[in-house]
Amino acid sequence: MRGLAESGPSAPATCTRPAFEYDHDMDERGLFHYLGTQGRTQPWQNPAEAGWVTATRSSELAGKASDLTGRQPCASCTNN
């Protein structure tokens, strides 16, 4: 039986890393869009509402913390 060292060189594993290059607000190139589409393989979900990231704020006045990772412009602010 031949060992791994005797079987010859193997091709290196390839790993592609996603690029996050800003183009415009609400584009589909950002980290939260990538997370919300599970690596651009599924329809978008708000990653904070799905439980994949945690969004917090110092206080609540209008909106909710998950608005920070959402795709819709909205009025969201804190007491500070």
N, C-alpha and C. Protein backbone atom coordinates (compact mmCIF):
# COMPACT_ATOMS: atom_id res chain seq x y z
N MET A 1 0.85 -1.18 0.00
CA MET A 1 0.00 0.00 0.00
C MET A 1 0.89 1.23 0.00
N ARG A 2 0.61 2.15 -0.89
CA ARG A 2 1.43 3.36 -0.99
C ARG A 2 0.91 4.42 -0.04
N GLY A 3 1.80 5.14 0.60
CA GLY A 3 1.43 6.25 1.47
C GLY A 3 1.19 7.51 0.66
N LEU A 4 0.70 8.52 1.31
CA LEU A 4 0.43 9.78 0.63
C LEU A 4 1.69 10.39 0.03
N ALA A 5 2.78 10.28 0.74
CA ALA A 5 4.02 10.87 0.25
C ALA A 5 4.50 10.18 -1.02
N GLU A 6 4.12 8.93 -1.20
CA GLU A 6 4.56 8.17 -2.36
C GLU A 6 3.63 8.33 -3.55
N SER A 7 2.46 8.89 -3.34
CA SER A 7 1.49 8.93 -4.43
C SER A 7 1.71 10.10 -5.39
N GLY A 8 2.66 10.94 -5.14
CA GLY A 8 2.94 12.05 -6.05
C GLY A 8 2.26 13.33 -5.60
N PRO A 9 2.62 14.41 -6.25
CA PRO A 9 2.05 15.70 -5.85
C PRO A 9 0.57 15.78 -6.21
N SER A 10 -0.16 16.45 -5.38
CA SER A 10 -1.58 16.66 -5.68
C SER A 10 -1.79 18.13 -6.01
N ALA A 11 -2.83 18.39 -6.72
CA ALA A 11 -3.15 19.78 -7.07
C ALA A 11 -3.53 20.55 -5.81
N PRO A 12 -3.06 21.77 -5.69
CA PRO A 12 -3.41 22.56 -4.51
C PRO A 12 -4.91 22.86 -4.50
N ALA A 13 -5.45 22.88 -3.32
CA ALA A 13 -6.87 23.22 -3.18
C ALA A 13 -7.08 24.67 -3.57
N THR A 14 -8.13 24.93 -4.27
CA THR A 14 -8.42 26.31 -4.65
C THR A 14 -9.47 26.87 -3.71
N CYS A 15 -9.29 28.09 -3.36
CA CYS A 15 -10.20 28.77 -2.45
C CYS A 15 -10.46 30.16 -3.02
N THR A 16 -11.69 30.43 -3.36
CA THR A 16 -12.01 31.76 -3.86
C THR A 16 -12.60 32.57 -2.71
N ARG A 17 -12.11 33.75 -2.55
CA ARG A 17 -12.60 34.64 -1.51
C ARG A 17 -13.52 35.67 -2.13
N PRO A 18 -14.64 35.92 -1.48
CA PRO A 18 -15.54 36.94 -2.03
C PRO A 18 -14.92 38.33 -1.92
N ALA A 19 -15.22 39.16 -2.88
CA ALA A 19 -14.76 40.54 -2.86
C ALA A 19 -15.93 41.43 -2.46
N PHE A 20 -15.68 42.39 -1.59
CA PHE A 20 -16.70 43.31 -1.13
C PHE A 20 -16.27 44.72 -1.52
N GLU A 21 -16.65 45.13 -2.71
CA GLU A 21 -16.25 46.43 -3.24
C GLU A 21 -17.47 47.32 -3.37
N TYR A 22 -17.49 48.40 -2.60
CA TYR A 22 -18.62 49.33 -2.59
C TYR A 22 -18.80 49.98 -3.95
N ASP A 23 -20.05 50.02 -4.41
CA ASP A 23 -20.38 50.74 -5.64
C ASP A 23 -21.36 51.86 -5.31
N HIS A 24 -22.46 51.53 -4.64
CA HIS A 24 -23.44 52.53 -4.24
C HIS A 24 -24.27 51.96 -3.08
N ASP A 25 -24.95 52.84 -2.37
CA ASP A 25 -25.81 52.40 -1.28
C ASP A 25 -26.82 51.38 -1.80
N MET A 26 -27.05 50.36 -1.03
CA MET A 26 -27.99 49.28 -1.33
C MET A 26 -27.57 48.43 -2.53
N ASP A 27 -26.28 48.46 -2.88
CA ASP A 27 -25.83 47.57 -3.95
C ASP A 27 -25.80 46.13 -3.41
N GLU A 28 -25.40 45.20 -4.20
CA GLU A 28 -25.38 43.80 -3.80
C GLU A 28 -23.95 43.30 -3.67
N ARG A 29 -23.05 44.19 -3.27
CA ARG A 29 -21.63 43.85 -3.20
C ARG A 29 -21.09 43.80 -1.78
N GLY A 30 -21.94 44.08 -0.80
CA GLY A 30 -21.46 44.20 0.58
C GLY A 30 -21.49 42.91 1.39
N LEU A 31 -20.88 42.99 2.55
CA LEU A 31 -20.80 41.85 3.46
C LEU A 31 -22.18 41.40 3.92
N PHE A 32 -23.05 42.35 4.32
CA PHE A 32 -24.36 41.95 4.81
C PHE A 32 -25.21 41.33 3.70
N HIS A 33 -25.05 41.80 2.48
CA HIS A 33 -25.77 41.16 1.36
C HIS A 33 -25.24 39.75 1.14
N TYR A 34 -23.94 39.59 1.22
CA TYR A 34 -23.33 38.27 1.07
C TYR A 34 -23.84 37.31 2.14
N LEU A 35 -23.86 37.77 3.39
CA LEU A 35 -24.36 36.93 4.48
C LEU A 35 -25.85 36.64 4.32
N GLY A 36 -26.61 37.66 3.92
CA GLY A 36 -28.05 37.51 3.77
C GLY A 36 -28.48 36.64 2.62
N THR A 37 -27.58 36.39 1.69
CA THR A 37 -27.87 35.49 0.57
C THR A 37 -27.09 34.18 0.71
N GLN A 38 -26.54 33.96 1.88
CA GLN A 38 -25.76 32.75 2.16
C GLN A 38 -24.72 32.52 1.08
N GLY A 39 -23.92 33.54 0.88
CA GLY A 39 -22.84 33.45 -0.12
C GLY A 39 -23.34 33.61 -1.54
N ARG A 40 -24.38 34.41 -1.71
CA ARG A 40 -24.98 34.67 -3.03
C ARG A 40 -25.58 33.42 -3.66
N THR A 41 -26.10 32.52 -2.80
CA THR A 41 -26.69 31.28 -3.31
C THR A 41 -28.18 31.17 -3.02
N GLN A 42 -28.73 32.06 -2.21
CA GLN A 42 -30.14 31.99 -1.80
C GLN A 42 -30.78 33.37 -1.94
N PRO A 43 -32.10 33.43 -1.96
CA PRO A 43 -32.76 34.74 -1.93
C PRO A 43 -32.38 35.48 -0.64
N TRP A 44 -32.32 36.80 -0.71
CA TRP A 44 -31.86 37.60 0.41
C TRP A 44 -32.82 37.56 1.60
N GLN A 45 -32.22 37.45 2.78
CA GLN A 45 -32.93 37.60 4.06
C GLN A 45 -32.09 38.55 4.90
N ASN A 46 -32.73 39.34 5.74
CA ASN A 46 -31.99 40.21 6.64
C ASN A 46 -31.19 39.31 7.59
N PRO A 47 -29.85 39.40 7.56
CA PRO A 47 -29.05 38.48 8.37
C PRO A 47 -29.25 38.64 9.88
N ALA A 48 -29.61 39.84 10.34
CA ALA A 48 -29.87 40.01 11.77
C ALA A 48 -31.20 39.36 12.15
N GLU A 49 -32.21 39.53 11.31
CA GLU A 49 -33.51 38.92 11.59
C GLU A 49 -33.46 37.40 11.46
N ALA A 50 -32.57 36.89 10.61
CA ALA A 50 -32.41 35.45 10.46
C ALA A 50 -31.58 34.84 11.59
N GLY A 51 -30.92 35.70 12.40
CA GLY A 51 -30.11 35.21 13.50
C GLY A 51 -28.68 34.88 13.14
N TRP A 52 -28.23 35.30 11.96
CA TRP A 52 -26.87 34.99 11.52
C TRP A 52 -25.86 36.01 12.02
N VAL A 53 -26.29 37.22 12.34
CA VAL A 53 -25.46 38.25 12.96
C VAL A 53 -26.30 38.89 14.06
N THR A 54 -25.64 39.56 14.98
CA THR A 54 -26.34 40.28 16.03
C THR A 54 -26.16 41.77 15.82
N ALA A 55 -27.26 42.48 15.72
CA ALA A 55 -27.22 43.94 15.58
C ALA A 55 -27.70 44.54 16.89
N THR A 56 -26.93 45.45 17.44
CA THR A 56 -27.32 46.13 18.67
C THR A 56 -27.13 47.63 18.51
N ARG A 57 -27.83 48.39 19.35
CA ARG A 57 -27.68 49.84 19.38
C ARG A 57 -27.62 50.28 20.83
N SER A 58 -27.15 51.49 21.03
CA SER A 58 -27.01 52.00 22.40
C SER A 58 -28.36 52.25 23.05
N SER A 59 -29.38 52.55 22.26
CA SER A 59 -30.72 52.78 22.77
C SER A 59 -31.70 52.67 21.60
N GLU A 60 -32.97 52.70 21.92
CA GLU A 60 -34.00 52.60 20.89
C GLU A 60 -34.86 53.85 20.90
N LEU A 61 -35.04 54.48 19.76
CA LEU A 61 -35.96 55.60 19.62
C LEU A 61 -36.92 55.32 18.47
N ALA A 62 -36.38 55.07 17.29
CA ALA A 62 -37.21 54.75 16.12
C ALA A 62 -36.56 53.59 15.37
N GLY A 63 -37.39 52.73 14.82
CA GLY A 63 -36.87 51.58 14.10
C GLY A 63 -36.39 50.51 15.04
N LYS A 64 -35.60 49.60 14.50
CA LYS A 64 -35.04 48.52 15.32
C LYS A 64 -33.60 48.26 14.90
N ALA A 65 -32.86 47.57 15.72
CA ALA A 65 -31.44 47.34 15.46
C ALA A 65 -31.22 46.60 14.15
N SER A 66 -32.10 45.67 13.80
CA SER A 66 -31.90 44.91 12.57
C SER A 66 -32.07 45.77 11.31
N ASP A 67 -32.58 46.99 11.46
CA ASP A 67 -32.63 47.91 10.31
C ASP A 67 -31.23 48.19 9.78
N LEU A 68 -30.23 48.08 10.64
CA LEU A 68 -28.84 48.35 10.25
C LEU A 68 -28.35 47.38 9.18
N THR A 69 -28.90 46.18 9.16
CA THR A 69 -28.48 45.18 8.17
C THR A 69 -29.53 44.96 7.10
N GLY A 70 -30.54 45.79 7.07
CA GLY A 70 -31.64 45.62 6.11
C GLY A 70 -31.35 46.22 4.75
N ARG A 71 -32.26 46.00 3.82
CA ARG A 71 -32.12 46.48 2.45
C ARG A 71 -33.03 47.64 2.13
N GLN A 72 -33.88 48.04 3.07
CA GLN A 72 -34.82 49.12 2.82
C GLN A 72 -34.40 50.37 3.57
N PRO A 73 -34.33 51.51 2.90
CA PRO A 73 -34.08 52.76 3.62
C PRO A 73 -35.22 53.00 4.61
N CYS A 74 -34.89 53.41 5.82
CA CYS A 74 -35.92 53.62 6.83
C CYS A 74 -35.42 54.63 7.87
N ALA A 75 -36.35 55.13 8.64
CA ALA A 75 -36.02 56.02 9.75
C ALA A 75 -35.66 55.13 10.94
N SER A 76 -34.43 55.17 11.32
CA SER A 76 -33.96 54.34 12.43
C SER A 76 -32.95 55.17 13.21
N CYS A 77 -33.23 55.39 14.50
CA CYS A 77 -32.30 56.22 15.28
C CYS A 77 -32.36 55.83 16.74
N THR A 78 -31.40 56.34 17.49
CA THR A 78 -31.31 56.08 18.92
C THR A 78 -31.60 57.35 19.70
N ASN A 79 -31.63 57.25 21.02
CA ASN A 79 -31.84 58.40 21.89
C ASN A 79 -30.58 59.26 22.01
N ASN A 80 -29.46 58.75 21.62
CA ASN A 80 -28.19 59.46 21.81
C ASN A 80 -27.88 60.38 20.66
